[in-house]
Amino acid sequence: MRNINSFPKEAKTQEVKDTILAGLFVLPFAAIHFGAQIIFPFLLSVSFCVLFDFGGQFLFSAKPKKFDLTSVLTGMIIAFSLPATSPKYFYIIAAAFATLVTKHPFGGYGNNIFNPAAGGLAFVTISFSEEFFDYSALQREIDSGVRVLGALREWHLPELDKFHVLIGNQLGSMGSTQILAIVVCLAYLCYKKAISGRIVWPFLLTCSAIALAFPRAGGCRLESLFYELFSGMLLFSAVFMFTDPVTAPELPISRVLYGVLSGVLVMLFRYFGRFEEGVVFVVLIVNSLAKGIDAIAKKYRRRKKRLKQVRH
């Protein structure tokens, strides 16, 4: 796998800045539905990720300590992936695990095997699963009290207007429910080439194919397609998590396979997993397979090249 530190520094920094800028675009839309009080947990998550990042550099690195812009991105992803009414210590614990366990023991940004934010969120999900998926407090904050993933998990058609789904008026995490804003982020980041379309589009197409083939929304295929794609963290993770250049494969064909595999696993976790949302676990699984996917693709490419030489 290519080390991110081998990329041109300017390109690396600009990609991170573009992704952070796209994430900040989601924040005001989340505030519309959950109130201005979400600003504090958002800043709390980002601040502790930055703080723990410096702590991780002190503990695990002999190099001079410096501000790592990716710690801001990690904090942003954690904040957007948690319900707006989550206890404040969720953000602190997730930030600590993300930076001090998932990131720096492997050598810091550019060497980490797993997406730091996914690691921190997975730890909180397992440790506090009941509280993590308890959205009862959110019902006082938004107009709709419908849990789309909860309805789909029971193989029922969610009783929620599609427009409300698109504008984020549904129970869920702070940022991943802001569908229209995330679609804008997707278009912007693809235009800026800050994320790989070879991962995003195969991922979304795979999820769509499975949703159509095995509909959960009362057996309605198009209804299932809509609610599967625009509920939970599926679209958010496609834009902000699976596309992490450090933990994704390097080769173009590998990235396509990576996206397809991610889509299959996300849908399997949704259909049969213990939790109604298992995206963060899928991110960690495919992260661990990324290097192997690249190795298989390189081996296939060498074999194809040898066969071509023999024929000529």
C-alpha atoms as a PDB file:
ATOM      1  CA  MET A   1       0.000   0.000   0.000  1.00  0.00           C
ATOM      2  CA  ARG A   2       1.227   3.441  -0.844  1.00  0.00           C
ATOM      3  CA  ASN A   3       2.335   5.511   2.097  1.00  0.00           C
ATOM      4  CA  ILE A   4       0.503   8.830   2.175  1.00  0.00           C
ATOM      5  CA  ASN A   5       3.730  10.546   3.127  1.00  0.00           C
ATOM      6  CA  SER A   6       5.046   9.742  -0.359  1.00  0.00           C
ATOM      7  CA  PHE A   7       2.334  11.942  -1.877  1.00  0.00           C
ATOM      8  CA  PRO A   8       3.194  15.543  -2.756  1.00  0.00           C
ATOM      9  CA  LYS A   9       2.751  17.490   0.465  1.00  0.00           C
ATOM     10  CA  GLU A  10       0.678  20.177  -1.215  1.00  0.00           C
ATOM     11  CA  ALA A  11      -1.753  17.631  -2.691  1.00  0.00           C
ATOM     12  CA  LYS A  12      -2.085  15.784   0.606  1.00  0.00           C
ATOM     13  CA  THR A  13      -2.816  18.958   2.566  1.00  0.00           C
ATOM     14  CA  GLN A  14      -5.271  20.256  -0.018  1.00  0.00           C
ATOM     15  CA  GLU A  15      -7.265  17.008  -0.045  1.00  0.00           C
ATOM     16  CA  VAL A  16      -7.605  17.118   3.734  1.00  0.00           C
ATOM     17  CA  LYS A  17      -8.615  20.786   3.628  1.00  0.00           C
ATOM     18  CA  ASP A  18     -11.233  20.089   0.942  1.00  0.00           C
ATOM     19  CA  THR A  19     -12.690  17.225   2.980  1.00  0.00           C
ATOM     20  CA  ILE A  20     -12.845  19.321   6.149  1.00  0.00           C
ATOM     21  CA  LEU A  21     -14.472  22.162   4.228  1.00  0.00           C
ATOM     22  CA  ALA A  22     -17.072  19.753   2.853  1.00  0.00           C
ATOM     23  CA  GLY A  23     -17.744  18.454   6.356  1.00  0.00           C
ATOM     24  CA  LEU A  24     -18.208  21.954   7.721  1.00  0.00           C
ATOM     25  CA  PHE A  25     -20.857  22.488   5.060  1.00  0.00           C
ATOM     26  CA  VAL A  26     -22.947  19.790   6.807  1.00  0.00           C
ATOM     27  CA  LEU A  27     -22.784  21.479  10.218  1.00  0.00           C
ATOM     28  CA  PRO A  28     -25.382  24.271   9.741  1.00  0.00           C
ATOM     29  CA  PHE A  29     -27.886  21.796   8.297  1.00  0.00           C
ATOM     30  CA  ALA A  30     -27.466  19.588  11.354  1.00  0.00           C
ATOM     31  CA  ALA A  31     -27.954  22.650  13.585  1.00  0.00           C
ATOM     32  CA  ILE A  32     -31.265  23.401  11.861  1.00  0.00           C
ATOM     33  CA  HIS A  33     -32.713  20.093  12.999  1.00  0.00           C
ATOM     34  CA  PHE A  34     -30.915  19.442  16.268  1.00  0.00           C
ATOM     35  CA  GLY A  35     -30.380  22.981  17.510  1.00  0.00           C
ATOM     36  CA  ALA A  36     -27.332  25.171  18.047  1.00  0.00           C
ATOM     37  CA  GLN A  37     -26.352  23.057  21.072  1.00  0.00           C
ATOM     38  CA  ILE A  38     -24.684  20.588  18.689  1.00  0.00           C
ATOM     39  CA  ILE A  39     -21.871  23.084  18.183  1.00  0.00           C
ATOM     40  CA  PHE A  40     -20.420  22.270  21.608  1.00  0.00           C
ATOM     41  CA  PRO A  41     -20.113  18.473  21.127  1.00  0.00           C
ATOM     42  CA  PHE A  42     -18.742  19.108  17.632  1.00  0.00           C
ATOM     43  CA  LEU A  43     -16.015  21.386  19.002  1.00  0.00           C
ATOM     44  CA  LEU A  44     -15.469  18.997  21.925  1.00  0.00           C
ATOM     45  CA  SER A  45     -14.820  16.095  19.561  1.00  0.00           C
ATOM     46  CA  VAL A  46     -12.451  18.078  17.345  1.00  0.00           C
ATOM     47  CA  SER A  47     -10.605  19.614  20.300  1.00  0.00           C
ATOM     48  CA  PHE A  48      -9.972  16.308  22.038  1.00  0.00           C
ATOM     49  CA  CYS A  49      -8.844  14.661  18.806  1.00  0.00           C
ATOM     50  CA  VAL A  50      -6.279  17.435  18.364  1.00  0.00           C
ATOM     51  CA  LEU A  51      -5.262  17.197  22.034  1.00  0.00           C
ATOM     52  CA  PHE A  52      -4.901  13.416  21.991  1.00  0.00           C
ATOM     53  CA  ASP A  53      -3.055  13.651  18.689  1.00  0.00           C
ATOM     54  CA  PHE A  54      -0.356  15.735  20.324  1.00  0.00           C
ATOM     55  CA  GLY A  55      -0.364  13.234  23.196  1.00  0.00           C
ATOM     56  CA  GLY A  56       0.062  10.393  20.722  1.00  0.00           C
ATOM     57  CA  GLN A  57       2.987  12.143  19.073  1.00  0.00           C
ATOM     58  CA  PHE A  58       4.602  12.609  22.480  1.00  0.00           C
ATOM     59  CA  LEU A  59       4.120   8.937  23.426  1.00  0.00           C
ATOM     60  CA  PHE A  60       4.889   7.182  20.145  1.00  0.00           C
ATOM     61  CA  SER A  61       7.044   9.506  18.030  1.00  0.00           C
ATOM     62  CA  ALA A  62      10.540  10.863  18.453  1.00  0.00           C
ATOM     63  CA  LYS A  63       9.967  13.440  15.704  1.00  0.00           C
ATOM     64  CA  PRO A  64       9.258  17.103  16.510  1.00  0.00           C
ATOM     65  CA  LYS A  65       5.625  17.585  17.541  1.00  0.00           C
ATOM     66  CA  LYS A  66       3.444  19.386  15.027  1.00  0.00           C
ATOM     67  CA  PHE A  67      -0.193  20.083  14.367  1.00  0.00           C
ATOM     68  CA  ASP A  68      -1.781  17.361  12.218  1.00  0.00           C
ATOM     69  CA  LEU A  69      -4.746  18.660  10.240  1.00  0.00           C
ATOM     70  CA  THR A  70      -6.161  15.155   9.884  1.00  0.00           C
ATOM     71  CA  SER A  71      -6.955  15.122  13.614  1.00  0.00           C
ATOM     72  CA  VAL A  72      -9.558  17.810  12.892  1.00  0.00           C
ATOM     73  CA  LEU A  73     -11.081  15.579  10.215  1.00  0.00           C
ATOM     74  CA  THR A  74     -11.156  12.630  12.622  1.00  0.00           C
ATOM     75  CA  GLY A  75     -12.935  14.718  15.251  1.00  0.00           C
ATOM     76  CA  MET A  76     -15.434  15.952  12.697  1.00  0.00           C
ATOM     77  CA  ILE A  77     -16.288  12.429  11.521  1.00  0.00           C
ATOM     78  CA  ILE A  78     -16.724  11.232  15.108  1.00  0.00           C
ATOM     79  CA  ALA A  79     -19.015  14.143  15.942  1.00  0.00           C
ATOM     80  CA  PHE A  80     -21.169  13.656  12.858  1.00  0.00           C
ATOM     81  CA  SER A  81     -21.459   9.905  13.477  1.00  0.00           C
ATOM     82  CA  LEU A  82     -22.836  10.182  17.009  1.00  0.00           C
ATOM     83  CA  PRO A  83     -26.416  11.129  17.943  1.00  0.00           C
ATOM     84  CA  ALA A  84     -26.728  14.811  18.835  1.00  0.00           C
ATOM     85  CA  THR A  85     -27.850  13.933  22.373  1.00  0.00           C
ATOM     86  CA  SER A  86     -24.996  11.510  23.111  1.00  0.00           C
ATOM     87  CA  PRO A  87     -23.257  11.930  26.474  1.00  0.00           C
ATOM     88  CA  LYS A  88     -20.227  14.171  26.163  1.00  0.00           C
ATOM     89  CA  TYR A  89     -17.872  11.438  27.322  1.00  0.00           C
ATOM     90  CA  PHE A  90     -18.734   9.461  24.154  1.00  0.00           C
ATOM     91  CA  TYR A  91     -16.880  12.053  22.101  1.00  0.00           C
ATOM     92  CA  ILE A  92     -13.875  12.048  24.444  1.00  0.00           C
ATOM     93  CA  ILE A  93     -13.603   8.254  24.586  1.00  0.00           C
ATOM     94  CA  ALA A  94     -13.970   7.919  20.812  1.00  0.00           C
ATOM     95  CA  ALA A  95     -11.325  10.616  20.261  1.00  0.00           C
ATOM     96  CA  ALA A  96      -8.917   8.919  22.671  1.00  0.00           C
ATOM     97  CA  PHE A  97      -9.316   5.475  21.116  1.00  0.00           C
ATOM     98  CA  ALA A  98      -9.109   6.865  17.587  1.00  0.00           C
ATOM     99  CA  THR A  99      -5.798   8.650  18.123  1.00  0.00           C
ATOM    100  CA  LEU A 100      -4.046   6.716  20.909  1.00  0.00           C
ATOM    101  CA  VAL A 101      -5.021   3.182  19.828  1.00  0.00           C
ATOM    102  CA  THR A 102      -5.988   3.238  16.151  1.00  0.00           C
ATOM    103  CA  LYS A 103      -3.596   5.865  14.788  1.00  0.00           C
ATOM    104  CA  HIS A 104      -0.317   6.513  16.588  1.00  0.00           C
ATOM    105  CA  PRO A 105       0.746   2.985  17.638  1.00  0.00           C
ATOM    106  CA  PHE A 106       1.022   2.206  13.898  1.00  0.00           C
ATOM    107  CA  GLY A 107       3.200   5.232  13.203  1.00  0.00           C
ATOM    108  CA  GLY A 108       0.703   8.054  12.898  1.00  0.00           C
ATOM    109  CA  TYR A 109      -1.036   9.411   9.828  1.00  0.00           C
ATOM    110  CA  GLY A 110       0.216   7.786   6.659  1.00  0.00           C
ATOM    111  CA  ASN A 111       1.089   4.528   8.393  1.00  0.00           C
ATOM    112  CA  ASN A 112      -2.123   3.642  10.207  1.00  0.00           C
ATOM    113  CA  ILE A 113      -3.814   0.474   8.966  1.00  0.00           C
ATOM    114  CA  PHE A 114      -7.286   1.410  10.185  1.00  0.00           C
ATOM    115  CA  ASN A 115      -9.345   4.554   9.827  1.00  0.00           C
ATOM    116  CA  PRO A 116      -8.950   6.287  13.215  1.00  0.00           C
ATOM    117  CA  ALA A 117     -12.504   7.631  13.396  1.00  0.00           C
ATOM    118  CA  ALA A 118     -13.939   4.194  12.587  1.00  0.00           C
ATOM    119  CA  GLY A 119     -11.833   2.664  15.346  1.00  0.00           C
ATOM    120  CA  GLY A 120     -13.017   5.167  17.938  1.00  0.00           C
ATOM    121  CA  LEU A 121     -16.664   4.833  16.905  1.00  0.00           C
ATOM    122  CA  ALA A 122     -16.490   1.032  16.892  1.00  0.00           C
ATOM    123  CA  PHE A 123     -15.136   1.050  20.448  1.00  0.00           C
ATOM    124  CA  VAL A 124     -17.951   3.315  21.665  1.00  0.00           C
ATOM    125  CA  THR A 125     -20.563   1.253  19.804  1.00  0.00           C
ATOM    126  CA  ILE A 126     -19.457  -1.982  21.461  1.00  0.00           C
ATOM    127  CA  SER A 127     -18.933  -0.457  24.899  1.00  0.00           C
ATOM    128  CA  PHE A 128     -22.173   1.546  25.042  1.00  0.00           C
ATOM    129  CA  SER A 129     -24.423  -0.130  22.467  1.00  0.00           C
ATOM    130  CA  GLU A 130     -27.711   0.558  24.255  1.00  0.00           C
ATOM    131  CA  GLU A 131     -26.959   4.236  24.792  1.00  0.00           C
ATOM    132  CA  PHE A 132     -25.430   4.599  21.333  1.00  0.00           C
ATOM    133  CA  PHE A 133     -28.655   3.614  19.565  1.00  0.00           C
ATOM    134  CA  ASP A 134     -31.002   5.285  22.036  1.00  0.00           C
ATOM    135  CA  TYR A 135     -32.617   8.141  20.129  1.00  0.00           C
ATOM    136  CA  SER A 136     -35.435   8.817  22.590  1.00  0.00           C
ATOM    137  CA  ALA A 137     -33.993  12.188  23.622  1.00  0.00           C
ATOM    138  CA  LEU A 138     -33.876  13.257  19.969  1.00  0.00           C
ATOM    139  CA  GLN A 139     -37.626  12.989  19.627  1.00  0.00           C
ATOM    140  CA  ARG A 140     -37.926  16.278  21.484  1.00  0.00           C
ATOM    141  CA  GLU A 141     -35.502  17.961  19.095  1.00  0.00           C
ATOM    142  CA  ILE A 142     -36.928  17.079  15.665  1.00  0.00           C
ATOM    143  CA  ASP A 143     -40.394  16.841  14.170  1.00  0.00           C
ATOM    144  CA  SER A 144     -40.144  13.199  13.170  1.00  0.00           C
ATOM    145  CA  GLY A 145     -39.760  10.353  15.628  1.00  0.00           C
ATOM    146  CA  VAL A 146     -39.226   7.687  12.973  1.00  0.00           C
ATOM    147  CA  ARG A 147     -36.159   5.447  13.012  1.00  0.00           C
ATOM    148  CA  VAL A 148     -35.732   4.457   9.375  1.00  0.00           C
ATOM    149  CA  LEU A 149     -33.145   1.751  10.074  1.00  0.00           C
ATOM    150  CA  GLY A 150     -35.264   0.435  12.933  1.00  0.00           C
ATOM    151  CA  ALA A 151     -38.243   0.014  10.591  1.00  0.00           C
ATOM    152  CA  LEU A 152     -36.119  -1.610   7.908  1.00  0.00           C
ATOM    153  CA  ARG A 153     -34.650  -3.962  10.481  1.00  0.00           C
ATOM    154  CA  GLU A 154     -38.208  -5.198  11.112  1.00  0.00           C
ATOM    155  CA  TRP A 155     -38.694  -5.442   7.316  1.00  0.00           C
ATOM    156  CA  HIS A 156     -41.343  -2.716   7.413  1.00  0.00           C
ATOM    157  CA  LEU A 157     -41.874   0.346   5.260  1.00  0.00           C
ATOM    158  CA  PRO A 158     -40.744   3.388   7.307  1.00  0.00           C
ATOM    159  CA  GLU A 159     -43.623   5.758   7.959  1.00  0.00           C
ATOM    160  CA  LEU A 160     -41.635   8.824   7.005  1.00  0.00           C
ATOM    161  CA  ASP A 161     -42.042  11.086   4.015  1.00  0.00           C
ATOM    162  CA  LYS A 162     -39.112  10.897   1.587  1.00  0.00           C
ATOM    163  CA  PHE A 163     -38.625  14.648   1.673  1.00  0.00           C
ATOM    164  CA  HIS A 164     -38.097  14.501   5.442  1.00  0.00           C
ATOM    165  CA  VAL A 165     -35.493  11.791   4.902  1.00  0.00           C
ATOM    166  CA  LEU A 166     -33.593  13.943   2.411  1.00  0.00           C
ATOM    167  CA  ILE A 167     -33.548  17.073   4.575  1.00  0.00           C
ATOM    168  CA  GLY A 168     -32.385  15.179   7.660  1.00  0.00           C
ATOM    169  CA  ASN A 169     -35.627  15.186   9.625  1.00  0.00           C
ATOM    170  CA  GLN A 170     -35.148  11.639  10.925  1.00  0.00           C
ATOM    171  CA  LEU A 171     -33.723   9.979  14.000  1.00  0.00           C
ATOM    172  CA  GLY A 172     -30.056   9.210  13.694  1.00  0.00           C
ATOM    173  CA  SER A 173     -26.585  10.602  14.135  1.00  0.00           C
ATOM    174  CA  MET A 174     -25.813  14.306  14.034  1.00  0.00           C
ATOM    175  CA  GLY A 175     -24.395  14.600  10.532  1.00  0.00           C
ATOM    176  CA  SER A 176     -25.005  11.416   8.570  1.00  0.00           C
ATOM    177  CA  THR A 177     -28.741  12.108   8.318  1.00  0.00           C
ATOM    178  CA  GLN A 178     -28.207  15.373   6.387  1.00  0.00           C
ATOM    179  CA  ILE A 179     -28.604  13.657   3.021  1.00  0.00           C
ATOM    180  CA  LEU A 180     -28.896  16.613   0.649  1.00  0.00           C
ATOM    181  CA  ALA A 181     -25.885  18.299   2.240  1.00  0.00           C
ATOM    182  CA  ILE A 182     -23.844  15.093   1.919  1.00  0.00           C
ATOM    183  CA  VAL A 183     -24.804  14.779  -1.754  1.00  0.00           C
ATOM    184  CA  VAL A 184     -23.407  18.275  -2.286  1.00  0.00           C
ATOM    185  CA  CYS A 185     -20.247  17.231  -0.423  1.00  0.00           C
ATOM    186  CA  LEU A 186     -19.934  14.174  -2.660  1.00  0.00           C
ATOM    187  CA  ALA A 187     -20.199  16.278  -5.819  1.00  0.00           C
ATOM    188  CA  TYR A 188     -17.700  18.831  -4.499  1.00  0.00           C
ATOM    189  CA  LEU A 189     -15.104  16.285  -3.377  1.00  0.00           C
ATOM    190  CA  CYS A 190     -15.359  14.326  -6.628  1.00  0.00           C
ATOM    191  CA  TYR A 191     -14.932  17.560  -8.583  1.00  0.00           C
ATOM    192  CA  LYS A 192     -11.872  18.476  -6.492  1.00  0.00           C
ATOM    193  CA  LYS A 193     -10.594  14.880  -6.802  1.00  0.00           C
ATOM    194  CA  ALA A 194     -10.208  14.759  -3.034  1.00  0.00           C
ATOM    195  CA  ILE A 195     -11.887  11.341  -2.893  1.00  0.00           C
ATOM    196  CA  SER A 196     -11.755   8.354  -5.223  1.00  0.00           C
ATOM    197  CA  GLY A 197     -14.806   7.781  -7.400  1.00  0.00           C
ATOM    198  CA  ARG A 198     -13.496   4.260  -8.019  1.00  0.00           C
ATOM    199  CA  ILE A 199     -14.475   3.489  -4.431  1.00  0.00           C
ATOM    200  CA  VAL A 200     -17.623   5.591  -4.014  1.00  0.00           C
ATOM    201  CA  TRP A 201     -19.562   4.557  -7.110  1.00  0.00           C
ATOM    202  CA  PRO A 202     -18.939   0.765  -6.932  1.00  0.00           C
ATOM    203  CA  PHE A 203     -19.864   0.935  -3.239  1.00  0.00           C
ATOM    204  CA  LEU A 204     -23.146   2.758  -3.878  1.00  0.00           C
ATOM    205  CA  LEU A 205     -24.010   0.606  -6.904  1.00  0.00           C
ATOM    206  CA  THR A 206     -23.409  -2.586  -4.920  1.00  0.00           C
ATOM    207  CA  CYS A 207     -25.589  -1.396  -2.043  1.00  0.00           C
ATOM    208  CA  SER A 208     -28.271  -0.385  -4.557  1.00  0.00           C
ATOM    209  CA  ALA A 209     -28.214  -3.768  -6.314  1.00  0.00           C
ATOM    210  CA  ILE A 210     -28.619  -5.661  -3.038  1.00  0.00           C
ATOM    211  CA  ALA A 211     -31.392  -3.325  -1.853  1.00  0.00           C
ATOM    212  CA  LEU A 212     -33.273  -3.916  -5.106  1.00  0.00           C
ATOM    213  CA  ALA A 213     -32.700  -7.670  -5.079  1.00  0.00           C
ATOM    214  CA  PHE A 214     -33.640  -8.134  -1.419  1.00  0.00           C
ATOM    215  CA  PRO A 215     -36.056  -5.322  -0.474  1.00  0.00           C
ATOM    216  CA  ARG A 216     -36.744  -4.780   3.212  1.00  0.00           C
ATOM    217  CA  ALA A 217     -39.287  -1.927   3.007  1.00  0.00           C
ATOM    218  CA  GLY A 218     -42.381  -4.096   2.908  1.00  0.00           C
ATOM    219  CA  GLY A 219     -41.125  -5.859  -0.209  1.00  0.00           C
ATOM    220  CA  CYS A 220     -41.166  -2.649  -2.292  1.00  0.00           C
ATOM    221  CA  ARG A 221     -37.949  -2.562  -4.323  1.00  0.00           C
ATOM    222  CA  LEU A 222     -37.734   1.139  -5.166  1.00  0.00           C
ATOM    223  CA  GLU A 223     -38.860   2.107  -1.665  1.00  0.00           C
ATOM    224  CA  SER A 224     -36.187  -0.133  -0.203  1.00  0.00           C
ATOM    225  CA  LEU A 225     -33.561   1.354  -2.494  1.00  0.00           C
ATOM    226  CA  PHE A 226     -34.424   4.871  -1.376  1.00  0.00           C
ATOM    227  CA  TYR A 227     -34.526   4.167   2.354  1.00  0.00           C
ATOM    228  CA  GLU A 228     -31.416   1.964   2.359  1.00  0.00           C
ATOM    229  CA  LEU A 229     -29.275   4.530   0.547  1.00  0.00           C
ATOM    230  CA  PHE A 230     -30.511   7.557   2.473  1.00  0.00           C
ATOM    231  CA  SER A 231     -30.651   6.245   6.025  1.00  0.00           C
ATOM    232  CA  GLY A 232     -28.032   5.629   8.650  1.00  0.00           C
ATOM    233  CA  MET A 233     -24.380   6.227   7.850  1.00  0.00           C
ATOM    234  CA  LEU A 234     -24.288   4.576   4.421  1.00  0.00           C
ATOM    235  CA  LEU A 235     -23.946   7.691   2.258  1.00  0.00           C
ATOM    236  CA  PHE A 236     -21.885   9.562   4.856  1.00  0.00           C
ATOM    237  CA  SER A 237     -19.387   6.699   5.125  1.00  0.00           C
ATOM    238  CA  ALA A 238     -19.109   6.479   1.336  1.00  0.00           C
ATOM    239  CA  VAL A 239     -17.968  10.099   1.233  1.00  0.00           C
ATOM    240  CA  PHE A 240     -15.926  10.497   4.404  1.00  0.00           C
ATOM    241  CA  MET A 241     -14.714   7.077   5.585  1.00  0.00           C
ATOM    242  CA  PHE A 242     -14.239   4.409   2.918  1.00  0.00           C
ATOM    243  CA  THR A 243     -12.356   6.885   0.718  1.00  0.00           C
ATOM    244  CA  ASP A 244      -9.551   7.538   3.210  1.00  0.00           C
ATOM    245  CA  PRO A 245      -6.448   7.359   0.951  1.00  0.00           C
ATOM    246  CA  VAL A 246      -4.251   5.854   3.660  1.00  0.00           C
ATOM    247  CA  THR A 247      -6.422   2.855   4.472  1.00  0.00           C
ATOM    248  CA  ALA A 248      -7.800   2.267   0.953  1.00  0.00           C
ATOM    249  CA  PRO A 249      -5.953   0.251  -1.723  1.00  0.00           C
ATOM    250  CA  GLU A 250      -3.625   1.951  -4.188  1.00  0.00           C
ATOM    251  CA  LEU A 251      -4.408   0.378  -7.579  1.00  0.00           C
ATOM    252  CA  PRO A 252      -7.483   1.491  -9.562  1.00  0.00           C
ATOM    253  CA  ILE A 253      -8.879  -2.045  -9.968  1.00  0.00           C
ATOM    254  CA  SER A 254      -8.210  -2.710  -6.284  1.00  0.00           C
ATOM    255  CA  ARG A 255     -10.268   0.334  -5.330  1.00  0.00           C
ATOM    256  CA  VAL A 256     -13.185  -0.898  -7.425  1.00  0.00           C
ATOM    257  CA  LEU A 257     -13.038  -4.296  -5.710  1.00  0.00           C
ATOM    258  CA  TYR A 258     -12.679  -2.540  -2.365  1.00  0.00           C
ATOM    259  CA  GLY A 259     -15.849  -0.530  -3.026  1.00  0.00           C
ATOM    260  CA  VAL A 260     -17.813  -3.605  -4.102  1.00  0.00           C
ATOM    261  CA  LEU A 261     -16.672  -5.620  -1.079  1.00  0.00           C
ATOM    262  CA  SER A 262     -17.516  -2.728   1.238  1.00  0.00           C
ATOM    263  CA  GLY A 263     -21.011  -2.506  -0.225  1.00  0.00           C
ATOM    264  CA  VAL A 264     -21.638  -6.226   0.199  1.00  0.00           C
ATOM    265  CA  LEU A 265     -20.458  -6.206   3.810  1.00  0.00           C
ATOM    266  CA  VAL A 266     -22.416  -3.072   4.744  1.00  0.00           C
ATOM    267  CA  MET A 267     -25.638  -4.642   3.475  1.00  0.00           C
ATOM    268  CA  LEU A 268     -24.887  -7.955   5.193  1.00  0.00           C
ATOM    269  CA  PHE A 269     -24.330  -6.128   8.474  1.00  0.00           C
ATOM    270  CA  ARG A 270     -27.603  -4.274   7.975  1.00  0.00           C
ATOM    271  CA  TYR A 271     -29.561  -7.423   7.208  1.00  0.00           C
ATOM    272  CA  PHE A 272     -28.004  -9.812   9.718  1.00  0.00           C
ATOM    273  CA  GLY A 273     -25.813  -7.794  12.090  1.00  0.00           C
ATOM    274  CA  ARG A 274     -26.313  -7.391  15.806  1.00  0.00           C
ATOM    275  CA  PHE A 275     -26.599  -3.608  15.505  1.00  0.00           C
ATOM    276  CA  GLU A 276     -28.914  -1.694  13.210  1.00  0.00           C
ATOM    277  CA  GLU A 277     -25.855   0.203  11.933  1.00  0.00           C
ATOM    278  CA  GLY A 278     -22.531  -1.569  11.399  1.00  0.00           C
ATOM    279  CA  VAL A 279     -20.709   0.665   8.923  1.00  0.00           C
ATOM    280  CA  VAL A 280     -17.771   1.390  11.237  1.00  0.00           C
ATOM    281  CA  PHE A 281     -17.075  -2.333  11.641  1.00  0.00           C
ATOM    282  CA  VAL A 282     -17.112  -2.796   7.873  1.00  0.00           C
ATOM    283  CA  VAL A 283     -14.634   0.076   7.486  1.00  0.00           C
ATOM    284  CA  LEU A 284     -12.226  -1.665   9.863  1.00  0.00           C
ATOM    285  CA  ILE A 285     -12.665  -5.037   8.129  1.00  0.00           C
ATOM    286  CA  VAL A 286     -11.986  -3.747   4.620  1.00  0.00           C
ATOM    287  CA  ASN A 287      -9.099  -1.613   5.929  1.00  0.00           C
ATOM    288  CA  SER A 288      -7.427  -4.826   7.081  1.00  0.00           C
ATOM    289  CA  LEU A 289      -7.941  -6.380   3.632  1.00  0.00           C
ATOM    290  CA  ALA A 290      -6.818  -3.401   1.544  1.00  0.00           C
ATOM    291  CA  LYS A 291      -3.171  -4.415   1.295  1.00  0.00           C
ATOM    292  CA  GLY A 292      -4.143  -7.984   0.389  1.00  0.00           C
ATOM    293  CA  ILE A 293      -6.478  -6.749  -2.358  1.00  0.00           C
ATOM    294  CA  ASP A 294      -3.631  -4.693  -3.796  1.00  0.00           C
ATOM    295  CA  ALA A 295      -1.297  -7.707  -3.657  1.00  0.00           C
ATOM    296  CA  ILE A 296      -3.790  -9.919  -5.518  1.00  0.00           C
ATOM    297  CA  ALA A 297      -4.356  -7.223  -8.148  1.00  0.00           C
ATOM    298  CA  LYS A 298      -0.596  -6.783  -8.667  1.00  0.00           C
ATOM    299  CA  LYS A 299      -0.114 -10.550  -8.965  1.00  0.00           C
ATOM    300  CA  TYR A 300      -2.914 -10.766 -11.535  1.00  0.00           C
ATOM    301  CA  ARG A 301      -1.442  -7.836 -13.472  1.00  0.00           C
ATOM    302  CA  ARG A 302       2.028  -9.448 -13.576  1.00  0.00           C
ATOM    303  CA  ARG A 303       0.565 -12.762 -14.740  1.00  0.00           C
ATOM    304  CA  LYS A 304      -1.448 -11.045 -17.453  1.00  0.00           C
ATOM    305  CA  LYS A 305       1.660  -9.189 -18.597  1.00  0.00           C
ATOM    306  CA  ARG A 306       3.684 -12.430 -18.775  1.00  0.00           C
ATOM    307  CA  LEU A 307       0.968 -14.164 -20.816  1.00  0.00           C
ATOM    308  CA  LYS A 308       0.875 -11.213 -23.187  1.00  0.00           C
ATOM    309  CA  GLN A 309       4.661 -11.400 -23.647  1.00  0.00           C
ATOM    310  CA  VAL A 310       4.497 -15.170 -24.318  1.00  0.00           C
ATOM    311  CA  ARG A 311       1.839 -14.711 -26.998  1.00  0.00           C
ATOM    312  CA  HIS A 312       3.964 -12.124 -28.772  1.00  0.00           C
END
